[in-house]
PDB file of N, CA and C in Angstrom:
ATOM      1  N   MET A   1       2.906 -37.981 -16.176  1.00  0.00           N
ATOM      2  CA  MET A   1       3.342 -39.368 -15.742  1.00  0.00           C
ATOM      3  C   MET A   1       2.498 -39.770 -14.595  1.00  0.00           C
ATOM      4  N   TYR A   2       2.194 -41.095 -14.674  1.00  0.00           N
ATOM      5  CA  TYR A   2       1.395 -41.639 -13.453  1.00  0.00           C
ATOM      6  C   TYR A   2       2.557 -42.325 -12.605  1.00  0.00           C
ATOM      7  N   ILE A   3       2.211 -42.461 -11.308  1.00  0.00           N
ATOM      8  CA  ILE A   3       3.068 -43.133 -10.364  1.00  0.00           C
ATOM      9  C   ILE A   3       2.703 -44.427  -9.982  1.00  0.00           C
ATOM     10  N   VAL A   4       3.483 -45.358 -10.213  1.00  0.00           N
ATOM     11  CA  VAL A   4       3.198 -46.805  -9.701  1.00  0.00           C
ATOM     12  C   VAL A   4       4.072 -47.139  -8.528  1.00  0.00           C
ATOM     13  N   GLU A   5       3.299 -47.607  -7.478  1.00  0.00           N
ATOM     14  CA  GLU A   5       3.802 -48.105  -6.213  1.00  0.00           C
ATOM     15  C   GLU A   5       3.799 -49.565  -6.210  1.00  0.00           C
ATOM     16  N   THR A   6       4.963 -50.112  -5.936  1.00  0.00           N
ATOM     17  CA  THR A   6       5.140 -51.589  -6.026  1.00  0.00           C
ATOM     18  C   THR A   6       5.684 -52.043  -4.680  1.00  0.00           C
ATOM     19  N   ILE A   7       5.052 -53.119  -3.971  1.00  0.00           N
ATOM     20  CA  ILE A   7       5.434 -53.453  -2.736  1.00  0.00           C
ATOM     21  C   ILE A   7       5.540 -55.000  -2.958  1.00  0.00           C
ATOM     22  N   VAL A   8       6.744 -55.586  -2.410  1.00  0.00           N
ATOM     23  CA  VAL A   8       6.777 -57.027  -2.249  1.00  0.00           C
ATOM     24  C   VAL A   8       7.020 -57.302  -0.787  1.00  0.00           C
ATOM     25  N   CYS A   9       6.100 -58.279  -0.177  1.00  0.00           N
ATOM     26  CA  CYS A   9       6.232 -58.621   1.191  1.00  0.00           C
ATOM     27  C   CYS A   9       5.753 -59.956   1.350  1.00  0.00           C
ATOM     28  N   SER A  10       6.368 -60.605   2.487  1.00  0.00           N
ATOM     29  CA  SER A  10       5.957 -61.840   3.034  1.00  0.00           C
ATOM     30  C   SER A  10       5.397 -61.891   4.390  1.00  0.00           C
ATOM     31  N   GLY A  11       4.322 -62.605   4.554  1.00  0.00           N
ATOM     32  CA  GLY A  11       3.724 -62.854   5.830  1.00  0.00           C
ATOM     33  C   GLY A  11       4.348 -63.893   6.685  1.00  0.00           C
ATOM     34  N   LYS A  12       4.347 -63.553   7.934  1.00  0.00           N
ATOM     35  CA  LYS A  12       4.783 -64.477   8.929  1.00  0.00           C
ATOM     36  C   LYS A  12       3.955 -65.733   8.911  1.00  0.00           C
ATOM     37  N   LYS A  13       4.490 -67.024   9.229  1.00  0.00           N
ATOM     38  CA  LYS A  13       3.701 -68.156   9.247  1.00  0.00           C
ATOM     39  C   LYS A  13       2.733 -68.055  10.214  1.00  0.00           C
ATOM     40  N   GLY A  14       1.418 -68.444   9.775  1.00  0.00           N
ATOM     41  CA  GLY A  14       0.359 -68.315  10.514  1.00  0.00           C
ATOM     42  C   GLY A  14      -0.481 -66.963  10.494  1.00  0.00           C
ATOM     43  N   LYS A  15       0.158 -65.992   9.975  1.00  0.00           N
ATOM     44  CA  LYS A  15      -0.249 -64.585  10.096  1.00  0.00           C
ATOM     45  C   LYS A  15      -0.584 -64.023   8.561  1.00  0.00           C
ATOM     46  N   ASP A  16      -0.362 -64.952   7.612  1.00  0.00           N
ATOM     47  CA  ASP A  16      -0.440 -64.575   6.151  1.00  0.00           C
ATOM     48  C   ASP A  16      -1.857 -64.222   5.837  1.00  0.00           C
ATOM     49  N   ALA A  17      -2.848 -64.918   6.310  1.00  0.00           N
ATOM     50  CA  ALA A  17      -4.169 -64.657   5.954  1.00  0.00           C
ATOM     51  C   ALA A  17      -4.715 -63.364   6.459  1.00  0.00           C
ATOM     52  N   ARG A  18      -4.313 -63.034   7.758  1.00  0.00           N
ATOM     53  CA  ARG A  18      -4.630 -61.736   8.260  1.00  0.00           C
ATOM     54  C   ARG A  18      -4.003 -60.627   7.498  1.00  0.00           C
ATOM     55  N   LEU A  19      -2.631 -60.843   7.026  1.00  0.00           N
ATOM     56  CA  LEU A  19      -1.937 -59.883   6.233  1.00  0.00           C
ATOM     57  C   LEU A  19      -2.612 -59.641   4.976  1.00  0.00           C
ATOM     58  N   ARG A  20      -2.960 -60.706   4.409  1.00  0.00           N
ATOM     59  CA  ARG A  20      -3.802 -60.638   3.070  1.00  0.00           C
ATOM     60  C   ARG A  20      -5.032 -59.745   3.150  1.00  0.00           C
ATOM     61  N   ARG A  21      -5.817 -60.024   4.220  1.00  0.00           N
ATOM     62  CA  ARG A  21      -6.962 -59.291   4.498  1.00  0.00           C
ATOM     63  C   ARG A  21      -6.806 -57.750   4.685  1.00  0.00           C
ATOM     64  N   LYS A  22      -5.700 -57.558   5.530  1.00  0.00           N
ATOM     65  CA  LYS A  22      -5.310 -56.071   5.615  1.00  0.00           C
ATOM     66  C   LYS A  22      -4.839 -55.483   4.398  1.00  0.00           C
ATOM     67  N   LEU A  23      -4.096 -56.069   3.632  1.00  0.00           N
ATOM     68  CA  LEU A  23      -3.506 -55.500   2.178  1.00  0.00           C
ATOM     69  C   LEU A  23      -4.759 -55.297   1.492  1.00  0.00           C
ATOM     70  N   GLN A  24      -5.722 -56.278   1.432  1.00  0.00           N
ATOM     71  CA  GLN A  24      -6.884 -56.059   0.580  1.00  0.00           C
ATOM     72  C   GLN A  24      -7.853 -54.867   0.990  1.00  0.00           C
ATOM     73  N   ALA A  25      -7.873 -54.709   2.312  1.00  0.00           N
ATOM     74  CA  ALA A  25      -8.599 -53.586   2.787  1.00  0.00           C
ATOM     75  C   ALA A  25      -7.989 -52.205   2.276  1.00  0.00           C
ATOM     76  N   ARG A  26      -6.547 -52.225   2.470  1.00  0.00           N
ATOM     77  CA  ARG A  26      -5.945 -51.042   2.003  1.00  0.00           C
ATOM     78  C   ARG A  26      -6.121 -50.727   0.501  1.00  0.00           C
ATOM     79  N   GLN A  27      -5.978 -51.767  -0.291  1.00  0.00           N
ATOM     80  CA  GLN A  27      -6.125 -51.650  -1.699  1.00  0.00           C
ATOM     81  C   GLN A  27      -7.473 -51.218  -2.192  1.00  0.00           C
ATOM     82  N   GLU A  28      -8.552 -51.648  -1.422  1.00  0.00           N
ATOM     83  CA  GLU A  28      -9.948 -51.306  -1.587  1.00  0.00           C
ATOM     84  C   GLU A  28     -10.050 -49.681  -1.221  1.00  0.00           C
ATOM     85  N   PHE A  29      -9.292 -49.413  -0.135  1.00  0.00           N
ATOM     86  CA  PHE A  29      -9.446 -47.992   0.264  1.00  0.00           C
ATOM     87  C   PHE A  29      -8.779 -47.127  -0.830  1.00  0.00           C
ATOM     88  N   LYS A  30      -7.712 -47.443  -1.279  1.00  0.00           N
ATOM     89  CA  LYS A  30      -6.988 -46.712  -2.388  1.00  0.00           C
ATOM     90  C   LYS A  30      -7.926 -46.681  -3.519  1.00  0.00           C
ATOM     91  N   ARG A  31      -8.530 -47.671  -3.956  1.00  0.00           N
ATOM     92  CA  ARG A  31      -9.419 -47.662  -5.165  1.00  0.00           C
ATOM     93  C   ARG A  31     -10.543 -46.705  -5.013  1.00  0.00           C
ATOM     94  N   ARG A  32     -11.002 -46.430  -3.957  1.00  0.00           N
ATOM     95  CA  ARG A  32     -12.064 -45.332  -3.571  1.00  0.00           C
ATOM     96  C   ARG A  32     -11.629 -43.912  -3.785  1.00  0.00           C
ATOM     97  N   GLN A  33     -10.262 -43.795  -3.797  1.00  0.00           N
ATOM     98  CA  GLN A  33      -9.761 -42.298  -3.442  1.00  0.00           C
ATOM     99  C   GLN A  33      -9.664 -41.748  -4.905  1.00  0.00           C
ATOM    100  N   ASP A  34      -9.950 -40.443  -5.043  1.00  0.00           N
ATOM    101  CA  ASP A  34      -9.690 -39.661  -6.246  1.00  0.00           C
ATOM    102  C   ASP A  34      -8.216 -39.656  -6.516  1.00  0.00           C
ATOM    103  N   GLY A  35      -7.992 -39.935  -7.825  1.00  0.00           N
ATOM    104  CA  GLY A  35      -6.543 -39.912  -8.243  1.00  0.00           C
ATOM    105  C   GLY A  35      -5.922 -41.286  -8.246  1.00  0.00           C
ATOM    106  N   CYS A  36      -6.544 -42.299  -7.655  1.00  0.00           N
ATOM    107  CA  CYS A  36      -6.023 -43.585  -7.769  1.00  0.00           C
ATOM    108  C   CYS A  36      -6.674 -44.254  -8.956  1.00  0.00           C
ATOM    109  N   ILE A  37      -5.974 -44.848  -9.954  1.00  0.00           N
ATOM    110  CA  ILE A  37      -6.436 -45.377 -11.060  1.00  0.00           C
ATOM    111  C   ILE A  37      -6.663 -46.887 -10.936  1.00  0.00           C
ATOM    112  N   ALA A  38      -5.824 -47.573 -10.177  1.00  0.00           N
ATOM    113  CA  ALA A  38      -6.005 -48.963 -10.067  1.00  0.00           C
ATOM    114  C   ALA A  38      -5.169 -49.471  -8.847  1.00  0.00           C
ATOM    115  N   ALA A  39      -5.655 -50.515  -8.159  1.00  0.00           N
ATOM    116  CA  ALA A  39      -4.861 -51.020  -7.155  1.00  0.00           C
ATOM    117  C   ALA A  39      -5.232 -52.615  -7.033  1.00  0.00           C
ATOM    118  N   TRP A  40      -4.209 -53.414  -6.864  1.00  0.00           N
ATOM    119  CA  TRP A  40      -4.447 -54.853  -6.961  1.00  0.00           C
ATOM    120  C   TRP A  40      -3.302 -55.544  -6.038  1.00  0.00           C
ATOM    121  N   ILE A  41      -3.553 -56.907  -5.812  1.00  0.00           N
ATOM    122  CA  ILE A  41      -2.700 -57.778  -5.084  1.00  0.00           C
ATOM    123  C   ILE A  41      -2.590 -59.002  -5.795  1.00  0.00           C
ATOM    124  N   GLY A  42      -1.270 -59.552  -5.799  1.00  0.00           N
ATOM    125  CA  GLY A  42      -1.034 -60.852  -6.339  1.00  0.00           C
ATOM    126  C   GLY A  42      -0.263 -61.693  -5.322  1.00  0.00           C
ATOM    127  N   THR A  43      -0.524 -62.856  -5.414  1.00  0.00           N
ATOM    128  CA  THR A  43      -0.115 -63.917  -4.454  1.00  0.00           C
ATOM    129  C   THR A  43       1.092 -64.724  -5.021  1.00  0.00           C
ATOM    130  N   GLY A  44       2.181 -65.063  -4.345  1.00  0.00           N
ATOM    131  CA  GLY A  44       3.350 -65.811  -4.961  1.00  0.00           C
ATOM    132  C   GLY A  44       2.840 -67.096  -5.519  1.00  0.00           C
ATOM    133  N   LYS A  45       3.246 -67.547  -6.635  1.00  0.00           N
ATOM    134  CA  LYS A  45       2.916 -68.720  -7.410  1.00  0.00           C
ATOM    135  C   LYS A  45       3.308 -69.868  -6.548  1.00  0.00           C
ATOM    136  N   GLN A  46       4.473 -69.847  -5.979  1.00  0.00           N
ATOM    137  CA  GLN A  46       5.061 -70.916  -5.225  1.00  0.00           C
ATOM    138  C   GLN A  46       5.174 -70.746  -3.699  1.00  0.00           C
ATOM    139  N   ASP A  47       4.899 -69.549  -3.267  1.00  0.00           N
ATOM    140  CA  ASP A  47       4.738 -69.233  -1.858  1.00  0.00           C
ATOM    141  C   ASP A  47       3.577 -68.309  -1.635  1.00  0.00           C
ATOM    142  N   SER A  48       2.623 -68.988  -1.047  1.00  0.00           N
ATOM    143  CA  SER A  48       1.336 -68.065  -0.972  1.00  0.00           C
ATOM    144  C   SER A  48       1.431 -67.047   0.184  1.00  0.00           C
ATOM    145  N   ARG A  49       2.533 -67.093   0.932  1.00  0.00           N
ATOM    146  CA  ARG A  49       2.726 -66.031   1.975  1.00  0.00           C
ATOM    147  C   ARG A  49       3.331 -64.892   1.517  1.00  0.00           C
ATOM    148  N   MET A  50       3.726 -64.931   0.070  1.00  0.00           N
ATOM    149  CA  MET A  50       4.451 -63.611  -0.521  1.00  0.00           C
ATOM    150  C   MET A  50       3.413 -62.973  -1.417  1.00  0.00           C
ATOM    151  N   PHE A  51       3.423 -61.633  -1.242  1.00  0.00           N
ATOM    152  CA  PHE A  51       2.436 -60.767  -1.745  1.00  0.00           C
ATOM    153  C   PHE A  51       3.113 -59.621  -2.703  1.00  0.00           C
ATOM    154  N   LEU A  52       2.563 -59.499  -3.939  1.00  0.00           N
ATOM    155  CA  LEU A  52       2.909 -58.281  -4.723  1.00  0.00           C
ATOM    156  C   LEU A  52       1.671 -57.236  -4.645  1.00  0.00           C
ATOM    157  N   VAL A  53       1.996 -56.095  -4.162  1.00  0.00           N
ATOM    158  CA  VAL A  53       0.810 -55.105  -4.070  1.00  0.00           C
ATOM    159  C   VAL A  53       1.317 -53.833  -4.915  1.00  0.00           C
ATOM    160  N   GLN A  54       0.371 -53.685  -5.824  1.00  0.00           N
ATOM    161  CA  GLN A  54       0.553 -52.453  -6.805  1.00  0.00           C
ATOM    162  C   GLN A  54      -0.571 -51.580  -6.881  1.00  0.00           C
ATOM    163  N   SER A  55      -0.232 -50.276  -6.969  1.00  0.00           N
ATOM    164  CA  SER A  55      -1.244 -49.238  -7.131  1.00  0.00           C
ATOM    165  C   SER A  55      -0.720 -48.309  -8.182  1.00  0.00           C
ATOM    166  N   VAL A  56      -1.645 -47.616  -8.868  1.00  0.00           N
ATOM    167  CA  VAL A  56      -1.353 -46.559  -9.830  1.00  0.00           C
ATOM    168  C   VAL A  56      -2.019 -45.197  -9.536  1.00  0.00           C
ATOM    169  N   PHE A  57      -1.246 -44.174  -9.426  1.00  0.00           N
ATOM    170  CA  PHE A  57      -1.876 -42.884  -9.029  1.00  0.00           C
ATOM    171  C   PHE A  57      -1.512 -41.959 -10.210  1.00  0.00           C
ATOM    172  N   THR A  58      -2.322 -40.850 -10.174  1.00  0.00           N
ATOM    173  CA  THR A  58      -2.295 -39.788 -11.213  1.00  0.00           C
ATOM    174  C   THR A  58      -0.959 -38.932 -10.863  1.00  0.00           C
ATOM    175  N   SER A  59      -0.529 -38.861  -9.694  1.00  0.00           N
ATOM    176  CA  SER A  59       0.755 -38.013  -9.235  1.00  0.00           C
ATOM    177  C   SER A  59       1.196 -38.554  -7.934  1.00  0.00           C
ATOM    178  N   LEU A  60       2.420 -38.031  -7.683  1.00  0.00           N
ATOM    179  CA  LEU A  60       3.139 -38.282  -6.418  1.00  0.00           C
ATOM    180  C   LEU A  60       2.346 -37.679  -5.300  1.00  0.00           C
ATOM    181  N   ASN A  61       1.868 -36.461  -5.489  1.00  0.00           N
ATOM    182  CA  ASN A  61       1.138 -35.843  -4.414  1.00  0.00           C
ATOM    183  C   ASN A  61      -0.303 -36.536  -3.965  1.00  0.00           C
ATOM    184  N   VAL A  62      -0.917 -37.263  -5.033  1.00  0.00           N
ATOM    185  CA  VAL A  62      -2.036 -38.076  -4.698  1.00  0.00           C
ATOM    186  C   VAL A  62      -1.699 -39.307  -3.932  1.00  0.00           C
ATOM    187  N   TRP A  63      -0.438 -39.926  -4.324  1.00  0.00           N
ATOM    188  CA  TRP A  63      -0.019 -41.161  -3.589  1.00  0.00           C
ATOM    189  C   TRP A  63       0.267 -40.711  -2.135  1.00  0.00           C
ATOM    190  N   LYS A  64       0.846 -39.546  -1.910  1.00  0.00           N
ATOM    191  CA  LYS A  64       1.266 -39.098  -0.618  1.00  0.00           C
ATOM    192  C   LYS A  64       0.132 -38.848   0.201  1.00  0.00           C
ATOM    193  N   LYS A  65      -0.991 -38.207  -0.371  1.00  0.00           N
ATOM    194  CA  LYS A  65      -2.271 -37.913   0.442  1.00  0.00           C
ATOM    195  C   LYS A  65      -2.865 -39.314   0.724  1.00  0.00           C
ATOM    196  N   VAL A  66      -2.992 -40.246  -0.191  1.00  0.00           N
ATOM    197  CA  VAL A  66      -3.613 -41.523   0.112  1.00  0.00           C
ATOM    198  C   VAL A  66      -2.806 -42.333   1.184  1.00  0.00           C
ATOM    199  N   SER A  67      -1.592 -42.346   0.959  1.00  0.00           N
ATOM    200  CA  SER A  67      -0.748 -43.030   1.985  1.00  0.00           C
ATOM    201  C   SER A  67      -0.785 -42.543   3.418  1.00  0.00           C
ATOM    202  N   ASP A  68      -0.830 -41.166   3.405  1.00  0.00           N
ATOM    203  CA  ASP A  68      -0.988 -40.424   4.733  1.00  0.00           C
ATOM    204  C   ASP A  68      -2.452 -40.830   5.366  1.00  0.00           C
ATOM    205  N   GLU A  69      -3.368 -40.796   4.516  1.00  0.00           N
ATOM    206  CA  GLU A  69      -4.825 -41.185   4.967  1.00  0.00           C
ATOM    207  C   GLU A  69      -4.814 -42.662   5.481  1.00  0.00           C
ATOM    208  N   ILE A  70      -4.034 -43.460   4.877  1.00  0.00           N
ATOM    209  CA  ILE A  70      -4.096 -44.927   5.323  1.00  0.00           C
ATOM    210  C   ILE A  70      -3.387 -45.048   6.587  1.00  0.00           C
ATOM    211  N   SER A  71      -2.293 -44.243   6.828  1.00  0.00           N
ATOM    212  CA  SER A  71      -1.475 -44.314   8.117  1.00  0.00           C
ATOM    213  C   SER A  71      -2.342 -43.693   9.164  1.00  0.00           C
ATOM    214  N   ASN A  72      -3.071 -42.638   8.868  1.00  0.00           N
ATOM    215  CA  ASN A  72      -3.783 -41.930   9.863  1.00  0.00           C
ATOM    216  C   ASN A  72      -5.087 -42.566  10.191  1.00  0.00           C
ATOM    217  N   THR A  73      -5.715 -43.523   9.464  1.00  0.00           N
ATOM    218  CA  THR A  73      -6.986 -44.187   9.697  1.00  0.00           C
ATOM    219  C   THR A  73      -6.754 -45.647   9.782  1.00  0.00           C
ATOM    220  N   LEU A  74      -6.592 -46.458   8.686  1.00  0.00           N
ATOM    221  CA  LEU A  74      -6.425 -47.960   8.920  1.00  0.00           C
ATOM    222  C   LEU A  74      -5.343 -48.283   9.819  1.00  0.00           C
ATOM    223  N   ASP A  75      -4.245 -47.758   9.655  1.00  0.00           N
ATOM    224  CA  ASP A  75      -3.004 -48.277  10.513  1.00  0.00           C
ATOM    225  C   ASP A  75      -3.365 -48.027  12.058  1.00  0.00           C
ATOM    226  N   LYS A  76      -3.991 -46.849  12.381  1.00  0.00           N
ATOM    227  CA  LYS A  76      -4.304 -46.612  13.764  1.00  0.00           C
ATOM    228  C   LYS A  76      -5.483 -47.602  14.218  1.00  0.00           C
ATOM    229  N   GLN A  77      -6.439 -47.863  13.230  1.00  0.00           N
ATOM    230  CA  GLN A  77      -7.621 -48.658  13.723  1.00  0.00           C
ATOM    231  C   GLN A  77      -7.135 -50.112  13.928  1.00  0.00           C
ATOM    232  N   ASP A  78      -6.213 -50.702  13.050  1.00  0.00           N
ATOM    233  CA  ASP A  78      -6.031 -52.187  13.104  1.00  0.00           C
ATOM    234  C   ASP A  78      -4.434 -52.521  13.491  1.00  0.00           C
ATOM    235  N   GLY A  79      -3.764 -51.547  13.772  1.00  0.00           N
ATOM    236  CA  GLY A  79      -2.368 -51.756  14.164  1.00  0.00           C
ATOM    237  C   GLY A  79      -1.366 -51.808  13.194  1.00  0.00           C
ATOM    238  N   GLY A  80      -1.636 -51.650  11.911  1.00  0.00           N
ATOM    239  CA  GLY A  80      -0.693 -51.636  10.852  1.00  0.00           C
ATOM    240  C   GLY A  80      -0.364 -53.012  10.459  1.00  0.00           C
ATOM    241  N   LEU A  81       0.614 -53.047   9.513  1.00  0.00           N
ATOM    242  CA  LEU A  81       0.992 -54.455   8.836  1.00  0.00           C
ATOM    243  C   LEU A  81       2.420 -54.993   9.438  1.00  0.00           C
ATOM    244  N   GLU A  82       3.104 -54.190   9.976  1.00  0.00           N
ATOM    245  CA  GLU A  82       4.562 -54.556  10.107  1.00  0.00           C
ATOM    246  C   GLU A  82       4.537 -55.748  10.967  1.00  0.00           C
ATOM    247  N   GLY A  83       3.877 -55.992  12.172  1.00  0.00           N
ATOM    248  CA  GLY A  83       3.955 -57.040  12.935  1.00  0.00           C
ATOM    249  C   GLY A  83       3.500 -58.371  12.229  1.00  0.00           C
ATOM    250  N   LEU A  84       2.828 -58.272  11.031  1.00  0.00           N
ATOM    251  CA  LEU A  84       2.414 -59.532  10.372  1.00  0.00           C
ATOM    252  C   LEU A  84       3.519 -60.022   9.226  1.00  0.00           C
ATOM    253  N   MET A  85       4.525 -59.078   9.031  1.00  0.00           N
ATOM    254  CA  MET A  85       5.407 -59.461   7.940  1.00  0.00           C
ATOM    255  C   MET A  85       6.787 -60.050   8.555  1.00  0.00           C
ATOM    256  N   ILE A  86       7.395 -60.903   7.603  1.00  0.00           N
ATOM    257  CA  ILE A  86       8.628 -61.498   7.975  1.00  0.00           C
ATOM    258  C   ILE A  86       9.782 -60.416   8.206  1.00  0.00           C
ATOM    259  N   GLY A  87       9.791 -59.400   7.376  1.00  0.00           N
ATOM    260  CA  GLY A  87      10.777 -58.427   7.476  1.00  0.00           C
ATOM    261  C   GLY A  87      10.246 -57.247   6.785  1.00  0.00           C
ATOM    262  N   PRO A  88      11.052 -56.307   6.531  1.00  0.00           N
ATOM    263  CA  PRO A  88      10.755 -55.102   5.892  1.00  0.00           C
ATOM    264  C   PRO A  88      10.292 -55.462   4.445  1.00  0.00           C
ATOM    265  N   PRO A  89       9.203 -54.846   3.866  1.00  0.00           N
ATOM    266  CA  PRO A  89       8.869 -54.891   2.379  1.00  0.00           C
ATOM    267  C   PRO A  89       9.822 -54.437   1.585  1.00  0.00           C
ATOM    268  N   LEU A  90       9.904 -54.862   0.327  1.00  0.00           N
ATOM    269  CA  LEU A  90      10.574 -54.174  -0.727  1.00  0.00           C
ATOM    270  C   LEU A  90       9.687 -53.193  -1.432  1.00  0.00           C
ATOM    271  N   VAL A  91      10.054 -51.931  -1.579  1.00  0.00           N
ATOM    272  CA  VAL A  91       9.057 -50.888  -2.021  1.00  0.00           C
ATOM    273  C   VAL A  91       9.785 -50.167  -3.124  1.00  0.00           C
ATOM    274  N   GLY A  92       9.142 -49.999  -4.218  1.00  0.00           N
ATOM    275  CA  GLY A  92       9.497 -49.284  -5.353  1.00  0.00           C
ATOM    276  C   GLY A  92       8.555 -48.277  -5.755  1.00  0.00           C
ATOM    277  N   MET A  93       8.941 -47.086  -6.317  1.00  0.00           N
ATOM    278  CA  MET A  93       8.230 -46.061  -6.877  1.00  0.00           C
ATOM    279  C   MET A  93       8.562 -45.975  -8.429  1.00  0.00           C
ATOM    280  N   PHE A  94       7.585 -45.880  -9.437  1.00  0.00           N
ATOM    281  CA  PHE A  94       7.972 -45.965 -10.733  1.00  0.00           C
ATOM    282  C   PHE A  94       7.203 -44.793 -11.397  1.00  0.00           C
ATOM    283  N   GLU A  95       7.611 -44.341 -12.432  1.00  0.00           N
ATOM    284  CA  GLU A  95       6.764 -43.343 -13.292  1.00  0.00           C
ATOM    285  C   GLU A  95       6.537 -44.177 -14.575  1.00  0.00           C
ATOM    286  N   ILE A  96       5.259 -44.012 -15.024  1.00  0.00           N
ATOM    287  CA  ILE A  96       4.866 -44.531 -16.290  1.00  0.00           C
ATOM    288  C   ILE A  96       3.989 -43.735 -17.100  1.00  0.00           C
ATOM    289  N   ALA A  97       3.956 -43.661 -18.415  1.00  0.00           N
ATOM    290  CA  ALA A  97       3.178 -42.819 -19.132  1.00  0.00           C
ATOM    291  C   ALA A  97       1.665 -43.308 -19.152  1.00  0.00           C
ATOM    292  N   PRO A  98       0.718 -42.411 -19.072  1.00  0.00           N
ATOM    293  CA  PRO A  98      -0.732 -42.867 -19.094  1.00  0.00           C
ATOM    294  C   PRO A  98      -1.029 -43.787 -20.178  1.00  0.00           C
ATOM    295  N   GLY A  99      -0.470 -43.682 -21.389  1.00  0.00           N
ATOM    296  CA  GLY A  99      -0.696 -44.700 -22.477  1.00  0.00           C
ATOM    297  C   GLY A  99      -0.197 -46.072 -22.248  1.00  0.00           C
ATOM    298  N   ASP A 100       0.631 -46.183 -21.354  1.00  0.00           N
ATOM    299  CA  ASP A 100       1.139 -47.546 -21.047  1.00  0.00           C
ATOM    300  C   ASP A 100       0.171 -48.388 -20.215  1.00  0.00           C
ATOM    301  N   LEU A 101      -0.976 -47.861 -19.830  1.00  0.00           N
ATOM    302  CA  LEU A 101      -1.934 -48.620 -19.030  1.00  0.00           C
ATOM    303  C   LEU A 101      -3.022 -49.046 -19.924  1.00  0.00           C
ATOM    304  N   ASN A 102      -3.156 -48.790 -21.213  1.00  0.00           N
ATOM    305  CA  ASN A 102      -4.140 -49.143 -22.249  1.00  0.00           C
ATOM    306  C   ASN A 102      -4.522 -50.599 -22.157  1.00  0.00           C
ATOM    307  N   PHE A 103      -3.465 -51.414 -21.830  1.00  0.00           N
ATOM    308  CA  PHE A 103      -3.801 -52.917 -21.964  1.00  0.00           C
ATOM    309  C   PHE A 103      -4.656 -53.261 -20.763  1.00  0.00           C
ATOM    310  N   MET A 104      -4.840 -52.433 -19.697  1.00  0.00           N
ATOM    311  CA  MET A 104      -5.894 -52.831 -18.603  1.00  0.00           C
ATOM    312  C   MET A 104      -7.262 -52.508 -18.944  1.00  0.00           C
ATOM    313  N   ASN A 105      -7.412 -51.644 -20.018  1.00  0.00           N
ATOM    314  CA  ASN A 105      -8.810 -51.443 -20.387  1.00  0.00           C
ATOM    315  C   ASN A 105      -9.406 -52.377 -21.398  1.00  0.00           C
ATOM    316  N   SER A 106      -8.400 -53.141 -21.927  1.00  0.00           N
ATOM    317  CA  SER A 106      -8.779 -54.120 -23.096  1.00  0.00           C
ATOM    318  C   SER A 106      -9.476 -55.504 -22.424  1.00  0.00           C
ATOM    319  N   GLN A 107      -9.437 -55.547 -21.170  1.00  0.00           N
ATOM    320  CA  GLN A 107     -10.088 -56.797 -20.490  1.00  0.00           C
ATOM    321  C   GLN A 107     -11.502 -56.875 -20.304  1.00  0.00           C
TER     322      GLN A 107
END
């Protein structure tokens, strides 16, 4: 089973562009790591300060390793994300079968 990390968060007024750049940097970092299958960001349709951040990993161990690397490198370099968000993010971890991602390859 693959692991899907899903995060929904909102940027503070006037800080949403900076939050978006930091989220994009983290997603790009994830995409370059072995075991990360995909990582992307969506913006709220009616609220551009709201973000959907999703990543797919081959295992929970890979997710943990990548998350730790982000904490130990990017967060230390740029101060992290917490100060740019309205409140705590909504975070969910899900399992999906590898065959359920076939739709992504058809584009």
